[in-house]
Amino acid sequence: TRADFYVGRGKKSEWLGSIAWDGYPSGIPESIRDCRTE
């Protein structure tokens, strides 16, 4: 289950990286999901 990580959306977004396994929401740490600052 692949996942890509970005800052921003659309054509001006910045790609930060990707993972090839366990990309579903429960596989992403709360430390990422709960961030309030860029």
PDB file of all heavy atoms in Angstrom:
ATOM      1  N   THR A   1       0.874  -1.161   0.000  1.00  0.00           N
ATOM      2  CA  THR A   1       0.000   0.000   0.000  1.00  0.00           C
ATOM      3  C   THR A   1       0.912   1.211   0.000  1.00  0.00           C
ATOM      4  O   THR A   1       1.531   1.544   1.008  1.00  0.00           O
ATOM      5  CB  THR A   1      -0.915  -0.010   1.242  1.00  0.00           C
ATOM      6  OG1 THR A   1      -1.644  -1.238   1.249  1.00  0.00           O
ATOM      7  CG2 THR A   1      -1.878   1.147   1.219  1.00  0.00           C
ATOM      8  N   ARG A   2       0.999   1.870  -1.135  1.00  0.00           N
ATOM      9  CA  ARG A   2       1.959   2.952  -1.327  1.00  0.00           C
ATOM     10  C   ARG A   2       1.411   4.283  -0.813  1.00  0.00           C
ATOM     11  O   ARG A   2       0.211   4.506  -0.822  1.00  0.00           O
ATOM     12  CB  ARG A   2       2.297   3.069  -2.803  1.00  0.00           C
ATOM     13  CG  ARG A   2       2.987   1.823  -3.320  1.00  0.00           C
ATOM     14  CD  ARG A   2       3.059   1.858  -4.844  1.00  0.00           C
ATOM     15  NE  ARG A   2       3.711   0.690  -5.353  1.00  0.00           N
ATOM     16  CZ  ARG A   2       3.090  -0.438  -5.682  1.00  0.00           C
ATOM     17  NH1 ARG A   2       1.790  -0.548  -5.540  1.00  0.00           N
ATOM     18  NH2 ARG A   2       3.761  -1.456  -6.145  1.00  0.00           N
ATOM     19  N   ALA A   3       2.325   5.165  -0.418  1.00  0.00           N
ATOM     20  CA  ALA A   3       1.926   6.498   0.038  1.00  0.00           C
ATOM     21  C   ALA A   3       2.997   7.520  -0.344  1.00  0.00           C
ATOM     22  O   ALA A   3       4.192   7.226  -0.316  1.00  0.00           O
ATOM     23  CB  ALA A   3       1.715   6.515   1.546  1.00  0.00           C
ATOM     24  N   ASP A   4       2.525   8.713  -0.697  1.00  0.00           N
ATOM     25  CA  ASP A   4       3.392   9.848  -0.999  1.00  0.00           C
ATOM     26  C   ASP A   4       3.122  10.939   0.033  1.00  0.00           C
ATOM     27  O   ASP A   4       1.990  11.093   0.496  1.00  0.00           O
ATOM     28  CB  ASP A   4       3.096  10.392  -2.398  1.00  0.00           C
ATOM     29  CG  ASP A   4       3.310   9.364  -3.494  1.00  0.00           C
ATOM     30  OD1 ASP A   4       4.229   8.540  -3.362  1.00  0.00           O
ATOM     31  OD2 ASP A   4       2.566   9.392  -4.485  1.00  0.00           O
ATOM     32  N   PHE A   5       4.147  11.711   0.360  1.00  0.00           N
ATOM     33  CA  PHE A   5       4.041  12.779   1.359  1.00  0.00           C
ATOM     34  C   PHE A   5       4.424  14.108   0.723  1.00  0.00           C
ATOM     35  O   PHE A   5       5.437  14.195   0.018  1.00  0.00           O
ATOM     36  CB  PHE A   5       4.969  12.490   2.544  1.00  0.00           C
ATOM     37  CG  PHE A   5       4.578  11.252   3.291  1.00  0.00           C
ATOM     38  CD1 PHE A   5       5.044  10.007   2.878  1.00  0.00           C
ATOM     39  CD2 PHE A   5       3.733  11.323   4.375  1.00  0.00           C
ATOM     40  CE1 PHE A   5       4.675   8.848   3.550  1.00  0.00           C
ATOM     41  CE2 PHE A   5       3.355  10.169   5.059  1.00  0.00           C
ATOM     42  CZ  PHE A   5       3.821   8.940   4.646  1.00  0.00           C
ATOM     43  N   TYR A   6       3.622  15.127   1.003  1.00  0.00           N
ATOM     44  CA  TYR A   6       3.795  16.447   0.406  1.00  0.00           C
ATOM     45  C   TYR A   6       3.619  17.559   1.426  1.00  0.00           C
ATOM     46  O   TYR A   6       2.977  17.386   2.455  1.00  0.00           O
ATOM     47  CB  TYR A   6       2.727  16.694  -0.667  1.00  0.00           C
ATOM     48  CG  TYR A   6       2.852  15.839  -1.884  1.00  0.00           C
ATOM     49  CD1 TYR A   6       2.208  14.611  -1.964  1.00  0.00           C
ATOM     50  CD2 TYR A   6       3.600  16.256  -2.977  1.00  0.00           C
ATOM     51  CE1 TYR A   6       2.302  13.815  -3.097  1.00  0.00           C
ATOM     52  CE2 TYR A   6       3.699  15.465  -4.114  1.00  0.00           C
ATOM     53  CZ  TYR A   6       3.055  14.254  -4.165  1.00  0.00           C
ATOM     54  OH  TYR A   6       3.161  13.480  -5.294  1.00  0.00           O
ATOM     55  N   VAL A   7       4.127  18.724   1.052  1.00  0.00           N
ATOM     56  CA  VAL A   7       3.730  19.990   1.665  1.00  0.00           C
ATOM     57  C   VAL A   7       3.006  20.736   0.558  1.00  0.00           C
ATOM     58  O   VAL A   7       3.544  20.912  -0.543  1.00  0.00           O
ATOM     59  CB  VAL A   7       4.937  20.801   2.168  1.00  0.00           C
ATOM     60  CG1 VAL A   7       4.511  22.210   2.568  1.00  0.00           C
ATOM     61  CG2 VAL A   7       5.597  20.091   3.336  1.00  0.00           C
ATOM     62  N   GLY A   8       1.770  21.135   0.835  1.00  0.00           N
ATOM     63  CA  GLY A   8       0.952  21.812  -0.170  1.00  0.00           C
ATOM     64  C   GLY A   8       0.195  20.822  -1.034  1.00  0.00           C
ATOM     65  O   GLY A   8       0.329  19.605  -0.879  1.00  0.00           O
ATOM     66  N   ARG A   9      -0.614  21.387  -1.928  1.00  0.00           N
ATOM     67  CA  ARG A   9      -1.415  20.570  -2.834  1.00  0.00           C
ATOM     68  C   ARG A   9      -1.295  21.104  -4.248  1.00  0.00           C
ATOM     69  O   ARG A   9      -0.966  22.256  -4.463  1.00  0.00           O
ATOM     70  CB  ARG A   9      -2.876  20.604  -2.406  1.00  0.00           C
ATOM     71  CG  ARG A   9      -3.084  19.934  -1.060  1.00  0.00           C
ATOM     72  CD  ARG A   9      -4.513  19.915  -0.690  1.00  0.00           C
ATOM     73  NE  ARG A   9      -5.204  18.993  -1.583  1.00  0.00           N
ATOM     74  CZ  ARG A   9      -6.461  18.641  -1.452  1.00  0.00           C
ATOM     75  NH1 ARG A   9      -7.195  19.122  -0.487  1.00  0.00           N
ATOM     76  NH2 ARG A   9      -7.013  17.790  -2.296  1.00  0.00           N
ATOM     77  N   GLY A  10      -1.573  20.235  -5.195  1.00  0.00           N
ATOM     78  CA  GLY A  10      -1.574  20.650  -6.592  1.00  0.00           C
ATOM     79  C   GLY A  10      -0.182  20.728  -7.194  1.00  0.00           C
ATOM     80  O   GLY A  10       0.785  20.189  -6.647  1.00  0.00           O
ATOM     81  N   LYS A  11      -0.095  21.435  -8.303  1.00  0.00           N
ATOM     82  CA  LYS A  11       1.156  21.490  -9.064  1.00  0.00           C
ATOM     83  C   LYS A  11       2.292  22.192  -8.334  1.00  0.00           C
ATOM     84  O   LYS A  11       3.451  21.971  -8.633  1.00  0.00           O
ATOM     85  CB  LYS A  11       0.908  22.164 -10.402  1.00  0.00           C
ATOM     86  CG  LYS A  11       0.012  21.334 -11.287  1.00  0.00           C
ATOM     87  CD  LYS A  11      -0.136  21.936 -12.654  1.00  0.00           C
ATOM     88  CE  LYS A  11      -1.133  21.101 -13.434  1.00  0.00           C
ATOM     89  NZ  LYS A  11      -0.720  20.801 -14.762  1.00  0.00           N
ATOM     90  N   LYS A  12       1.971  23.028  -7.352  1.00  0.00           N
ATOM     91  CA  LYS A  12       3.007  23.745  -6.612  1.00  0.00           C
ATOM     92  C   LYS A  12       3.398  23.032  -5.319  1.00  0.00           C
ATOM     93  O   LYS A  12       4.167  23.558  -4.522  1.00  0.00           O
ATOM     94  CB  LYS A  12       2.542  25.160  -6.309  1.00  0.00           C
ATOM     95  CG  LYS A  12       2.407  25.998  -7.555  1.00  0.00           C
ATOM     96  CD  LYS A  12       2.096  27.427  -7.229  1.00  0.00           C
ATOM     97  CE  LYS A  12       2.032  28.229  -8.517  1.00  0.00           C
ATOM     98  NZ  LYS A  12       1.834  29.650  -8.257  1.00  0.00           N
ATOM     99  N   SER A  13       2.884  21.838  -5.108  1.00  0.00           N
ATOM    100  CA  SER A  13       3.227  21.103  -3.884  1.00  0.00           C
ATOM    101  C   SER A  13       4.673  20.625  -3.941  1.00  0.00           C
ATOM    102  O   SER A  13       5.268  20.492  -5.002  1.00  0.00           O
ATOM    103  CB  SER A  13       2.288  19.915  -3.696  1.00  0.00           C
ATOM    104  OG  SER A  13       2.436  19.003  -4.767  1.00  0.00           O
ATOM    105  N   GLU A  14       5.226  20.369  -2.770  1.00  0.00           N
ATOM    106  CA  GLU A  14       6.588  19.849  -2.659  1.00  0.00           C
ATOM    107  C   GLU A  14       6.525  18.408  -2.179  1.00  0.00           C
ATOM    108  O   GLU A  14       6.026  18.119  -1.101  1.00  0.00           O
ATOM    109  CB  GLU A  14       7.384  20.684  -1.655  1.00  0.00           C
ATOM    110  CG  GLU A  14       8.787  20.179  -1.453  1.00  0.00           C
ATOM    111  CD  GLU A  14       9.521  20.922  -0.344  1.00  0.00           C
ATOM    112  OE1 GLU A  14       8.989  21.902   0.202  1.00  0.00           O
ATOM    113  OE2 GLU A  14      10.632  20.472  -0.011  1.00  0.00           O
ATOM    114  N   TRP A  15       7.051  17.510  -2.986  1.00  0.00           N
ATOM    115  CA  TRP A  15       7.079  16.089  -2.635  1.00  0.00           C
ATOM    116  C   TRP A  15       8.223  15.856  -1.656  1.00  0.00           C
ATOM    117  O   TRP A  15       9.377  16.211  -1.909  1.00  0.00           O
ATOM    118  CB  TRP A  15       7.267  15.263  -3.904  1.00  0.00           C
ATOM    119  CG  TRP A  15       7.500  13.818  -3.683  1.00  0.00           C
ATOM    120  CD1 TRP A  15       6.691  12.931  -3.023  1.00  0.00           C
ATOM    121  CD2 TRP A  15       8.624  13.061  -4.126  1.00  0.00           C
ATOM    122  NE1 TRP A  15       7.247  11.675  -3.033  1.00  0.00           N
ATOM    123  CE2 TRP A  15       8.434  11.730  -3.710  1.00  0.00           C
ATOM    124  CE3 TRP A  15       9.774  13.371  -4.833  1.00  0.00           C
ATOM    125  CZ2 TRP A  15       9.355  10.728  -3.980  1.00  0.00           C
ATOM    126  CZ3 TRP A  15      10.680  12.366  -5.104  1.00  0.00           C
ATOM    127  CH2 TRP A  15      10.460  11.065  -4.680  1.00  0.00           C
ATOM    128  N   LEU A  16       7.901  15.256  -0.499  1.00  0.00           N
ATOM    129  CA  LEU A  16       8.894  14.982   0.538  1.00  0.00           C
ATOM    130  C   LEU A  16       9.435  13.564   0.487  1.00  0.00           C
ATOM    131  O   LEU A  16      10.512  13.288   1.010  1.00  0.00           O
ATOM    132  CB  LEU A  16       8.296  15.225   1.923  1.00  0.00           C
ATOM    133  CG  LEU A  16       7.760  16.621   2.198  1.00  0.00           C
ATOM    134  CD1 LEU A  16       7.166  16.692   3.594  1.00  0.00           C
ATOM    135  CD2 LEU A  16       8.836  17.667   2.002  1.00  0.00           C
ATOM    136  N   GLY A  17       8.666  12.647  -0.104  1.00  0.00           N
ATOM    137  CA  GLY A  17       9.101  11.266  -0.187  1.00  0.00           C
ATOM    138  C   GLY A  17       7.928  10.312  -0.262  1.00  0.00           C
ATOM    139  O   GLY A  17       6.766  10.735  -0.216  1.00  0.00           O
ATOM    140  N   SER A  18       8.235   9.032  -0.371  1.00  0.00           N
ATOM    141  CA  SER A  18       7.212   7.999  -0.538  1.00  0.00           C
ATOM    142  C   SER A  18       7.603   6.730   0.203  1.00  0.00           C
ATOM    143  O   SER A  18       8.787   6.501   0.468  1.00  0.00           O
ATOM    144  CB  SER A  18       7.040   7.660  -2.019  1.00  0.00           C
ATOM    145  OG  SER A  18       6.655   8.790  -2.761  1.00  0.00           O
ATOM    146  N   ILE A  19       6.585   5.912   0.483  1.00  0.00           N
ATOM    147  CA  ILE A  19       6.828   4.573   1.026  1.00  0.00           C
ATOM    148  C   ILE A  19       6.081   3.555   0.170  1.00  0.00           C
ATOM    149  O   ILE A  19       5.052   3.873  -0.433  1.00  0.00           O
ATOM    150  CB  ILE A  19       6.407   4.450   2.506  1.00  0.00           C
ATOM    151  CG1 ILE A  19       4.931   4.790   2.718  1.00  0.00           C
ATOM    152  CG2 ILE A  19       7.306   5.306   3.382  1.00  0.00           C
ATOM    153  CD1 ILE A  19       4.421   4.500   4.115  1.00  0.00           C
ATOM    154  N   ALA A  20       6.600   2.349   0.124  1.00  0.00           N
ATOM    155  CA  ALA A  20       6.023   1.312  -0.721  1.00  0.00           C
ATOM    156  C   ALA A  20       5.115   0.346   0.035  1.00  0.00           C
ATOM    157  O   ALA A  20       4.370  -0.406  -0.584  1.00  0.00           O
ATOM    158  CB  ALA A  20       7.140   0.524  -1.408  1.00  0.00           C
ATOM    159  N   TRP A  21       5.168   0.345   1.357  1.00  0.00           N
ATOM    160  CA  TRP A  21       4.397  -0.608   2.156  1.00  0.00           C
ATOM    161  C   TRP A  21       3.687   0.103   3.310  1.00  0.00           C
ATOM    162  O   TRP A  21       4.222   1.040   3.893  1.00  0.00           O
ATOM    163  CB  TRP A  21       5.307  -1.693   2.742  1.00  0.00           C
ATOM    164  CG  TRP A  21       6.015  -2.467   1.682  1.00  0.00           C
ATOM    165  CD1 TRP A  21       7.294  -2.264   1.238  1.00  0.00           C
ATOM    166  CD2 TRP A  21       5.483  -3.527   0.903  1.00  0.00           C
ATOM    167  NE1 TRP A  21       7.594  -3.146   0.221  1.00  0.00           N
ATOM    168  CE2 TRP A  21       6.485  -3.948  -0.002  1.00  0.00           C
ATOM    169  CE3 TRP A  21       4.261  -4.176   0.868  1.00  0.00           C
ATOM    170  CZ2 TRP A  21       6.310  -4.968  -0.918  1.00  0.00           C
ATOM    171  CZ3 TRP A  21       4.086  -5.204  -0.044  1.00  0.00           C
ATOM    172  CH2 TRP A  21       5.099  -5.591  -0.913  1.00  0.00           C
ATOM    173  N   ASP A  22       2.517  -0.407   3.664  1.00  0.00           N
ATOM    174  CA  ASP A  22       1.777   0.070   4.847  1.00  0.00           C
ATOM    175  C   ASP A  22       1.484   1.560   4.801  1.00  0.00           C
ATOM    176  O   ASP A  22       1.568   2.254   5.812  1.00  0.00           O
ATOM    177  CB  ASP A  22       2.519  -0.276   6.138  1.00  0.00           C
ATOM    178  CG  ASP A  22       2.724  -1.774   6.300  1.00  0.00           C
ATOM    179  OD1 ASP A  22       1.886  -2.539   5.788  1.00  0.00           O
ATOM    180  OD2 ASP A  22       3.708  -2.177   6.922  1.00  0.00           O
ATOM    181  N   GLY A  23       1.073   2.066   3.669  1.00  0.00           N
ATOM    182  CA  GLY A  23       0.774   3.480   3.523  1.00  0.00           C
ATOM    183  C   GLY A  23      -0.634   3.878   3.920  1.00  0.00           C
ATOM    184  O   GLY A  23      -0.981   5.054   3.860  1.00  0.00           O
ATOM    185  N   TYR A  24      -1.445   2.921   4.338  1.00  0.00           N
ATOM    186  CA  TYR A  24      -2.816   3.225   4.749  1.00  0.00           C
ATOM    187  C   TYR A  24      -2.775   4.097   6.011  1.00  0.00           C
ATOM    188  O   TYR A  24      -1.776   4.124   6.731  1.00  0.00           O
ATOM    189  CB  TYR A  24      -3.613   1.943   4.976  1.00  0.00           C
ATOM    190  CG  TYR A  24      -2.847   0.870   5.716  1.00  0.00           C
ATOM    191  CD1 TYR A  24      -2.775   0.880   7.096  1.00  0.00           C
ATOM    192  CD2 TYR A  24      -2.165  -0.125   5.018  1.00  0.00           C
ATOM    193  CE1 TYR A  24      -2.050  -0.079   7.778  1.00  0.00           C
ATOM    194  CE2 TYR A  24      -1.430  -1.092   5.693  1.00  0.00           C
ATOM    195  CZ  TYR A  24      -1.383  -1.057   7.071  1.00  0.00           C
ATOM    196  OH  TYR A  24      -0.649  -1.998   7.737  1.00  0.00           O
ATOM    197  N   PRO A  25      -3.852   4.851   6.297  1.00  0.00           N
ATOM    198  CA  PRO A  25      -3.829   5.815   7.405  1.00  0.00           C
ATOM    199  C   PRO A  25      -3.386   5.241   8.751  1.00  0.00           C
ATOM    200  O   PRO A  25      -2.622   5.899   9.475  1.00  0.00           O
ATOM    201  CB  PRO A  25      -5.270   6.321   7.464  1.00  0.00           C
ATOM    202  CG  PRO A  25      -5.729   6.221   6.045  1.00  0.00           C
ATOM    203  CD  PRO A  25      -5.096   4.956   5.527  1.00  0.00           C
ATOM    204  N   SER A  26      -3.807   4.051   9.099  1.00  0.00           N
ATOM    205  CA  SER A  26      -3.403   3.496  10.393  1.00  0.00           C
ATOM    206  C   SER A  26      -1.920   3.114  10.419  1.00  0.00           C
ATOM    207  O   SER A  26      -1.365   2.889  11.492  1.00  0.00           O
ATOM    208  CB  SER A  26      -4.275   2.300  10.770  1.00  0.00           C
ATOM    209  OG  SER A  26      -4.108   1.257   9.833  1.00  0.00           O
ATOM    210  N   GLY A  27      -1.274   3.061   9.278  1.00  0.00           N
ATOM    211  CA  GLY A  27       0.156   2.777   9.210  1.00  0.00           C
ATOM    212  C   GLY A  27       1.025   4.022   9.322  1.00  0.00           C
ATOM    213  O   GLY A  27       2.244   3.931   9.403  1.00  0.00           O
ATOM    214  N   ILE A  28       0.385   5.191   9.334  1.00  0.00           N
ATOM    215  CA  ILE A  28       1.116   6.451   9.431  1.00  0.00           C
ATOM    216  C   ILE A  28       1.097   6.894  10.897  1.00  0.00           C
ATOM    217  O   ILE A  28       0.036   6.982  11.512  1.00  0.00           O
ATOM    218  CB  ILE A  28       0.469   7.533   8.537  1.00  0.00           C
ATOM    219  CG1 ILE A  28       0.347   7.036   7.093  1.00  0.00           C
ATOM    220  CG2 ILE A  28       1.252   8.841   8.623  1.00  0.00           C
ATOM    221  CD1 ILE A  28       1.629   6.567   6.448  1.00  0.00           C
ATOM    222  N   PRO A  29       2.247   7.190  11.472  1.00  0.00           N
ATOM    223  CA  PRO A  29       2.293   7.543  12.893  1.00  0.00           C
ATOM    224  C   PRO A  29       1.444   8.777  13.229  1.00  0.00           C
ATOM    225  O   PRO A  29       1.332   9.701  12.433  1.00  0.00           O
ATOM    226  CB  PRO A  29       3.773   7.848  13.147  1.00  0.00           C
ATOM    227  CG  PRO A  29       4.510   7.253  12.012  1.00  0.00           C
ATOM    228  CD  PRO A  29       3.574   7.212  10.855  1.00  0.00           C
ATOM    229  N   GLU A  30       0.909   8.764  14.430  1.00  0.00           N
ATOM    230  CA  GLU A  30       0.150   9.928  14.912  1.00  0.00           C
ATOM    231  C   GLU A  30       1.019  11.173  14.919  1.00  0.00           C
ATOM    232  O   GLU A  30       0.516  12.285  14.738  1.00  0.00           O
ATOM    233  CB  GLU A  30      -0.388   9.661  16.315  1.00  0.00           C
ATOM    234  CG  GLU A  30      -1.592   8.765  16.329  1.00  0.00           C
ATOM    235  CD  GLU A  30      -2.171   8.619  17.730  1.00  0.00           C
ATOM    236  OE1 GLU A  30      -2.261   9.626  18.457  1.00  0.00           O
ATOM    237  OE2 GLU A  30      -2.520   7.477  18.075  1.00  0.00           O
ATOM    238  N   SER A  31       2.305  11.007  15.119  1.00  0.00           N
ATOM    239  CA  SER A  31       3.210  12.162  15.147  1.00  0.00           C
ATOM    240  C   SER A  31       3.187  12.925  13.821  1.00  0.00           C
ATOM    241  O   SER A  31       3.448  14.125  13.795  1.00  0.00           O
ATOM    242  CB  SER A  31       4.634  11.719  15.468  1.00  0.00           C
ATOM    243  OG  SER A  31       5.141  10.855  14.472  1.00  0.00           O
ATOM    244  N   ILE A  32       2.839  12.244  12.734  1.00  0.00           N
ATOM    245  CA  ILE A  32       2.677  12.905  11.434  1.00  0.00           C
ATOM    246  C   ILE A  32       1.245  13.398  11.281  1.00  0.00           C
ATOM    247  O   ILE A  32       1.007  14.558  10.924  1.00  0.00           O
ATOM    248  CB  ILE A  32       3.041  11.949  10.282  1.00  0.00           C
ATOM    249  CG1 ILE A  32       4.535  11.636  10.293  1.00  0.00           C
ATOM    250  CG2 ILE A  32       2.622  12.541   8.929  1.00  0.00           C
ATOM    251  CD1 ILE A  32       4.979  10.587   9.311  1.00  0.00           C
ATOM    252  N   ARG A  33       0.294  12.546  11.562  1.00  0.00           N
ATOM    253  CA  ARG A  33      -1.120  12.894  11.364  1.00  0.00           C
ATOM    254  C   ARG A  33      -1.574  14.059  12.230  1.00  0.00           C
ATOM    255  O   ARG A  33      -2.482  14.794  11.854  1.00  0.00           O
ATOM    256  CB  ARG A  33      -2.002  11.670  11.604  1.00  0.00           C
ATOM    257  CG  ARG A  33      -1.795  10.590  10.547  1.00  0.00           C
ATOM    258  CD  ARG A  33      -2.701   9.402  10.738  1.00  0.00           C
ATOM    259  NE  ARG A  33      -2.211   8.579  11.840  1.00  0.00           N
ATOM    260  CZ  ARG A  33      -2.966   8.099  12.804  1.00  0.00           C
ATOM    261  NH1 ARG A  33      -4.245   8.331  12.844  1.00  0.00           N
ATOM    262  NH2 ARG A  33      -2.435   7.354  13.749  1.00  0.00           N
ATOM    263  N   ASP A  34      -0.941  14.256  13.380  1.00  0.00           N
ATOM    264  CA  ASP A  34      -1.373  15.297  14.311  1.00  0.00           C
ATOM    265  C   ASP A  34      -0.576  16.601  14.206  1.00  0.00           C
ATOM    266  O   ASP A  34      -0.784  17.509  15.021  1.00  0.00           O
ATOM    267  CB  ASP A  34      -1.277  14.780  15.744  1.00  0.00           C
ATOM    268  CG  ASP A  34      -2.287  13.694  16.041  1.00  0.00           C
ATOM    269  OD1 ASP A  34      -3.245  13.524  15.254  1.00  0.00           O
ATOM    270  OD2 ASP A  34      -2.127  12.990  17.055  1.00  0.00           O
ATOM    271  N   CYS A  35       0.315  16.729  13.245  1.00  0.00           N
ATOM    272  CA  CYS A  35       1.135  17.937  13.126  1.00  0.00           C
ATOM    273  C   CYS A  35       0.263  19.165  12.867  1.00  0.00           C
ATOM    274  O   CYS A  35      -0.678  19.118  12.085  1.00  0.00           O
ATOM    275  CB  CYS A  35       2.149  17.790  11.993  1.00  0.00           C
ATOM    276  SG  CYS A  35       3.510  16.717  12.400  1.00  0.00           S
ATOM    277  N   ARG A  36       0.636  20.253  13.517  1.00  0.00           N
ATOM    278  CA  ARG A  36      -0.086  21.521  13.368  1.00  0.00           C
ATOM    279  C   ARG A  36       0.757  22.605  12.696  1.00  0.00           C
ATOM    280  O   ARG A  36       0.244  23.662  12.378  1.00  0.00           O
ATOM    281  CB  ARG A  36      -0.567  22.025  14.731  1.00  0.00           C
ATOM    282  CG  ARG A  36      -1.517  21.072  15.418  1.00  0.00           C
ATOM    283  CD  ARG A  36      -2.861  21.051  14.721  1.00  0.00           C
ATOM    284  NE  ARG A  36      -3.757  20.123  15.389  1.00  0.00           N
ATOM    285  CZ  ARG A  36      -4.355  19.112  14.783  1.00  0.00           C
ATOM    286  NH1 ARG A  36      -4.152  18.895  13.514  1.00  0.00           N
ATOM    287  NH2 ARG A  36      -5.163  18.317  15.451  1.00  0.00           N
ATOM    288  N   THR A  37       2.054  22.326  12.513  1.00  0.00           N
ATOM    289  CA  THR A  37       2.907  23.285  11.817  1.00  0.00           C
ATOM    290  C   THR A  37       3.643  22.571  10.685  1.00  0.00           C
ATOM    291  O   THR A  37       3.931  21.370  10.770  1.00  0.00           O
ATOM    292  CB  THR A  37       3.950  23.939  12.752  1.00  0.00           C
ATOM    293  OG1 THR A  37       4.892  22.945  13.168  1.00  0.00           O
ATOM    294  CG2 THR A  37       3.284  24.588  13.964  1.00  0.00           C
ATOM    295  N   GLU A  38       3.965  23.325   9.668  1.00  0.00           N
ATOM    296  CA  GLU A  38       4.704  22.757   8.540  1.00  0.00           C
ATOM    297  C   GLU A  38       6.081  22.269   8.978  1.00  0.00           C
ATOM    298  O   GLU A  38       6.525  21.199   8.554  1.00  0.00           O
ATOM    299  CB  GLU A  38       4.851  23.802   7.439  1.00  0.00           C
ATOM    300  CG  GLU A  38       5.610  23.290   6.243  1.00  0.00           C
ATOM    301  CD  GLU A  38       5.786  24.328   5.155  1.00  0.00           C
ATOM    302  OE1 GLU A  38       4.904  25.195   4.992  1.00  0.00           O
ATOM    303  OE2 GLU A  38       6.817  24.256   4.457  1.00  0.00           O
TER     304      GLU A  38
END
